[in-house]
Amino acid sequence: MNATIQALKERRWKESMAHSSWQIFKIMAEFVDGFEALAKIGPCISIFGSARTKPDTPYYDLTIEIARKLAEEGFGIITGGGPGVMEAANKGAALANGKSVGLNIDLPFEQSSNEYIDKDKLLNFDYFFVRKVMFTKYSQGFVMMPGGFGTLDEFFEVATLIQTEKFKQMPMVLVGKKYWQGLMSWMEEVMLAEGNINPEDLALFEFADTADEVVNHMLEYYRTRQLAPNF
């Protein structure tokens, strides 16, 4: 019996490895499609935030205003393509006749592409890590609206890439000082105090409460710097 079970385990392992090998080609295809599509769009700002933010709430309306004003300044807007903050950002870009990009991903809940994405700028992904590369490679700045685990994941991903100089420093703006203050206090009082980050790491981002503050951060940063892909 033990020999039979062992043989079955080995067969299933080999089948799994064969599947993994073919999976590489699917991952490569997602990278190729994403690079080809986004390279044509030009300078963009990625806007992150909760998929659960409801229309006609303060952060939803503020996101529309931020995206609209950034689009009016010539930036394309990249979002995760779903509802909530993502929808609001794509809507703001559309209102300004700007480029409205959606990097959608299939999830078991809450994620379907919103109606404000340009039809030729909707990309669908199966892999989170491929999608995050697309967010970071072609974005000239990052706007972090209030959100949940996904937004925090994106925030720390970008902060880590800048901190480790995997790509150049660029503007990262956290919108909603009250919302983010608890996390920032913990980073200072615990992470910094225990030596897990450096004091300059806390200067990787700015705070804003208004659309004008966000736009001004972006424009001021690029007044003397070149716009280019990050890596």
Protein backbone atom coordinates (compact mmCIF):
# COMPACT_ATOMS: atom_id res chain seq x y z
CA MET A 1 0.00 0.00 0.00
CA ASN A 2 2.78 2.43 0.90
CA ALA A 3 4.50 1.81 -2.44
CA THR A 4 1.22 2.46 -4.27
CA ILE A 5 0.66 5.75 -2.42
CA GLN A 6 4.23 6.83 -3.08
CA ALA A 7 3.89 6.08 -6.80
CA LEU A 8 0.66 8.07 -6.94
CA LYS A 9 2.31 11.03 -5.20
CA GLU A 10 5.22 10.95 -7.63
CA ARG A 11 2.90 10.83 -10.65
CA ARG A 12 0.87 13.79 -9.38
CA TRP A 13 4.07 15.74 -8.67
CA LYS A 14 5.32 15.16 -12.22
CA GLU A 15 1.96 16.23 -13.64
CA SER A 16 2.11 19.39 -11.53
CA MET A 17 5.64 20.16 -12.73
CA ALA A 18 4.58 19.72 -16.35
CA HIS A 19 1.75 22.18 -15.80
CA SER A 20 4.17 24.66 -14.21
CA SER A 21 6.44 24.52 -17.24
CA TRP A 22 3.61 25.45 -19.58
CA GLN A 23 2.54 28.18 -17.15
CA ILE A 24 5.79 30.01 -17.92
CA PHE A 25 4.57 30.72 -21.45
CA LYS A 26 1.32 32.20 -20.16
CA ILE A 27 3.26 34.47 -17.80
CA MET A 28 5.57 35.54 -20.62
CA ALA A 29 2.57 36.35 -22.82
CA GLU A 30 1.10 38.61 -20.12
CA PHE A 31 4.39 40.49 -19.85
CA VAL A 32 4.71 40.91 -23.61
CA ASP A 33 1.12 42.09 -24.08
CA GLY A 34 1.43 44.53 -21.18
CA PHE A 35 4.75 46.01 -22.29
CA GLU A 36 3.57 46.48 -25.87
CA ALA A 37 0.31 48.15 -24.85
CA LEU A 38 1.62 50.46 -22.13
CA ALA A 39 4.77 51.59 -23.94
CA LYS A 40 2.56 53.40 -26.46
CA ILE A 41 0.58 55.41 -23.90
CA GLY A 42 3.18 57.83 -22.58
CA PRO A 43 3.68 59.28 -19.08
CA CYS A 44 1.08 58.03 -16.59
CA ILE A 45 0.15 58.25 -12.94
CA SER A 46 -1.06 55.14 -11.11
CA ILE A 47 -3.92 55.70 -8.69
CA PHE A 48 -4.49 53.01 -6.06
CA GLY A 49 -7.35 52.65 -3.59
CA SER A 50 -10.23 50.58 -2.34
CA ALA A 51 -12.58 48.76 -4.70
CA ARG A 52 -15.24 49.22 -2.00
CA THR A 53 -15.37 53.02 -2.05
CA LYS A 54 -18.93 53.97 -3.00
CA PRO A 55 -19.96 56.63 -5.52
CA ASP A 56 -20.89 60.04 -4.12
CA THR A 57 -18.70 59.58 -1.06
CA PRO A 58 -15.91 62.07 -0.27
CA TYR A 59 -12.98 59.90 -1.37
CA TYR A 60 -14.76 58.79 -4.55
CA ASP A 61 -15.45 62.39 -5.55
CA LEU A 62 -11.94 63.46 -4.57
CA THR A 63 -10.45 60.71 -6.72
CA ILE A 64 -12.43 61.92 -9.72
CA GLU A 65 -11.09 65.43 -9.20
CA ILE A 66 -7.49 64.26 -8.77
CA ALA A 67 -7.58 62.12 -11.91
CA ARG A 68 -9.30 64.82 -13.94
CA LYS A 69 -6.72 67.44 -13.01
CA LEU A 70 -3.79 65.10 -13.63
CA ALA A 71 -5.23 64.18 -17.03
CA GLU A 72 -5.63 67.87 -17.86
CA GLU A 73 -1.88 68.21 -17.20
CA GLY A 74 -1.20 65.52 -19.79
CA PHE A 75 -0.77 62.44 -17.63
CA GLY A 76 -2.48 59.18 -18.48
CA ILE A 77 -4.25 57.52 -15.55
CA ILE A 78 -3.60 53.88 -14.68
CA THR A 79 -5.85 51.97 -12.28
CA GLY A 80 -6.61 48.39 -11.40
CA GLY A 81 -9.62 48.66 -13.66
CA GLY A 82 -12.28 47.76 -11.12
CA PRO A 83 -14.94 49.60 -9.09
CA GLY A 84 -14.58 52.06 -6.22
CA VAL A 85 -11.52 54.32 -6.30
CA MET A 86 -10.39 52.70 -9.54
CA GLU A 87 -13.67 53.56 -11.25
CA ALA A 88 -13.51 57.11 -9.92
CA ALA A 89 -9.99 57.59 -11.26
CA ASN A 90 -10.88 56.27 -14.71
CA LYS A 91 -13.96 58.47 -14.69
CA GLY A 92 -11.89 61.55 -13.88
CA ALA A 93 -9.53 60.77 -16.76
CA ALA A 94 -12.45 60.26 -19.12
CA LEU A 95 -14.03 63.58 -18.09
CA ALA A 96 -10.80 65.34 -19.12
CA ASN A 97 -10.57 63.33 -22.36
CA GLY A 98 -7.35 61.90 -21.00
CA LYS A 99 -5.90 58.43 -21.41
CA SER A 100 -7.74 56.04 -19.11
CA VAL A 101 -6.01 52.70 -18.51
CA GLY A 102 -7.32 49.68 -16.61
CA LEU A 103 -5.19 46.73 -15.51
CA ASN A 104 -7.92 44.31 -14.56
CA ILE A 105 -7.54 40.98 -12.78
CA ASP A 106 -9.97 38.12 -12.25
CA LEU A 107 -10.95 37.80 -8.58
CA PRO A 108 -13.62 35.70 -6.85
CA PHE A 109 -15.33 38.91 -5.67
CA GLU A 110 -15.64 42.66 -6.27
CA GLN A 111 -13.61 42.92 -9.48
CA SER A 112 -15.01 43.63 -12.91
CA SER A 113 -13.80 46.31 -15.29
CA ASN A 114 -15.48 49.70 -15.06
CA GLU A 115 -17.06 51.57 -17.96
CA TYR A 116 -14.67 54.54 -17.96
CA ILE A 117 -11.60 52.71 -19.28
CA ASP A 118 -10.61 53.41 -22.88
CA LYS A 119 -11.60 50.35 -24.89
CA ASP A 120 -8.11 49.96 -26.32
CA LYS A 121 -6.45 50.40 -22.90
CA LEU A 122 -8.11 47.61 -20.92
CA LEU A 123 -5.69 44.79 -20.11
CA ASN A 124 -6.68 41.63 -18.26
CA PHE A 125 -4.27 39.69 -16.08
CA ASP A 126 -4.27 36.36 -14.27
CA TYR A 127 -1.16 37.06 -12.19
CA PHE A 128 -0.88 39.76 -9.56
CA PHE A 129 2.90 40.00 -9.88
CA VAL A 130 2.77 40.65 -13.64
CA ARG A 131 0.09 43.29 -13.10
CA LYS A 132 2.20 45.05 -10.45
CA VAL A 133 5.14 45.25 -12.83
CA MET A 134 2.89 47.08 -15.29
CA PHE A 135 1.81 49.55 -12.60
CA THR A 136 5.38 50.35 -11.65
CA LYS A 137 7.27 50.28 -14.96
CA TYR A 138 5.25 52.93 -16.79
CA SER A 139 4.04 55.18 -13.95
CA GLN A 140 5.68 58.54 -13.32
CA GLY A 141 4.05 58.88 -9.93
CA PHE A 142 1.75 57.11 -7.52
CA VAL A 143 -1.38 58.31 -5.74
CA MET A 144 -2.46 56.21 -2.76
CA MET A 145 -6.09 56.74 -1.85
CA PRO A 146 -7.55 55.05 1.24
CA GLY A 147 -7.85 51.31 0.75
CA GLY A 148 -7.41 47.85 2.20
CA PHE A 149 -4.89 45.02 1.95
CA GLY A 150 -4.46 45.43 -1.82
CA THR A 151 -3.71 49.15 -1.50
CA LEU A 152 -1.24 48.52 1.31
CA ASP A 153 0.42 45.83 -0.77
CA GLU A 154 0.84 48.30 -3.62
CA PHE A 155 2.03 51.04 -1.27
CA PHE A 156 4.77 48.89 0.26
CA GLU A 157 5.73 47.46 -3.14
CA VAL A 158 6.37 50.95 -4.52
CA ALA A 159 8.09 52.14 -1.33
CA THR A 160 10.39 49.12 -1.38
CA LEU A 161 11.34 49.58 -5.04
CA ILE A 162 12.23 53.21 -4.41
CA GLN A 163 14.01 52.50 -1.12
CA THR A 164 16.18 49.78 -2.70
CA GLU A 165 16.79 51.93 -5.80
CA LYS A 166 15.35 49.29 -8.11
CA PHE A 167 13.92 52.29 -9.87
CA LYS A 168 14.43 56.00 -9.52
CA GLN A 169 12.79 58.03 -6.81
CA MET A 170 9.50 59.53 -7.89
CA PRO A 171 6.49 61.21 -6.28
CA MET A 172 4.31 59.02 -4.08
CA VAL A 173 1.39 60.87 -2.53
CA LEU A 174 -0.81 59.49 0.24
CA VAL A 175 -4.23 61.13 0.10
CA GLY A 176 -6.17 61.52 3.32
CA LYS A 177 -3.82 62.51 6.13
CA LYS A 178 -6.27 61.32 8.77
CA TYR A 179 -6.61 57.91 7.12
CA TRP A 180 -2.86 57.28 6.81
CA GLN A 181 -1.69 58.90 10.04
CA GLY A 182 -2.00 55.74 12.17
CA LEU A 183 0.18 53.73 9.81
CA MET A 184 2.74 56.52 9.58
CA SER A 185 2.88 56.85 13.36
CA TRP A 186 3.46 53.10 13.72
CA MET A 187 6.22 53.18 11.12
CA GLU A 188 7.95 55.99 13.01
CA GLU A 189 7.35 54.76 16.56
CA VAL A 190 8.00 51.07 15.95
CA MET A 191 9.77 50.36 12.63
CA LEU A 192 12.10 53.35 12.85
CA ALA A 193 12.61 53.06 16.61
CA GLU A 194 13.69 49.43 16.25
CA GLY A 195 16.06 50.24 13.41
CA ASN A 196 14.16 48.41 10.66
CA ILE A 197 14.00 51.51 8.44
CA ASN A 198 16.09 54.66 8.16
CA PRO A 199 14.82 58.20 8.88
CA GLU A 200 15.11 59.09 5.18
CA ASP A 201 12.72 56.24 4.31
CA LEU A 202 9.92 58.25 5.88
CA ALA A 203 10.58 60.97 3.31
CA LEU A 204 9.74 58.71 0.37
CA PHE A 205 6.17 59.98 0.31
CA GLU A 206 4.10 63.12 0.68
CA PHE A 207 0.66 63.71 2.16
CA ALA A 208 -2.26 65.54 0.60
CA ASP A 209 -5.89 66.25 1.32
CA THR A 210 -6.86 68.06 -1.89
CA ALA A 211 -6.58 67.47 -5.62
CA ASP A 212 -4.51 70.61 -6.08
CA GLU A 213 -1.96 69.40 -3.53
CA VAL A 214 -1.59 66.10 -5.40
CA VAL A 215 -1.18 67.78 -8.77
CA ASN A 216 1.28 70.31 -7.40
CA HIS A 217 3.45 67.53 -5.93
CA MET A 218 3.61 65.83 -9.33
CA LEU A 219 4.28 68.98 -11.34
CA GLU A 220 6.88 70.32 -8.92
CA TYR A 221 8.78 67.04 -8.98
CA TYR A 222 8.98 66.94 -12.77
CA ARG A 223 9.72 70.61 -13.24
CA THR A 224 13.43 69.74 -13.38
CA ARG A 225 13.32 65.98 -14.04
CA GLN A 226 12.84 63.87 -17.15
CA LEU A 227 9.80 61.68 -17.74
CA ALA A 228 10.87 58.14 -18.65
CA PRO A 229 10.02 54.47 -17.91
CA ASN A 230 11.35 53.35 -14.55
CA PHE A 231 13.37 50.28 -15.50
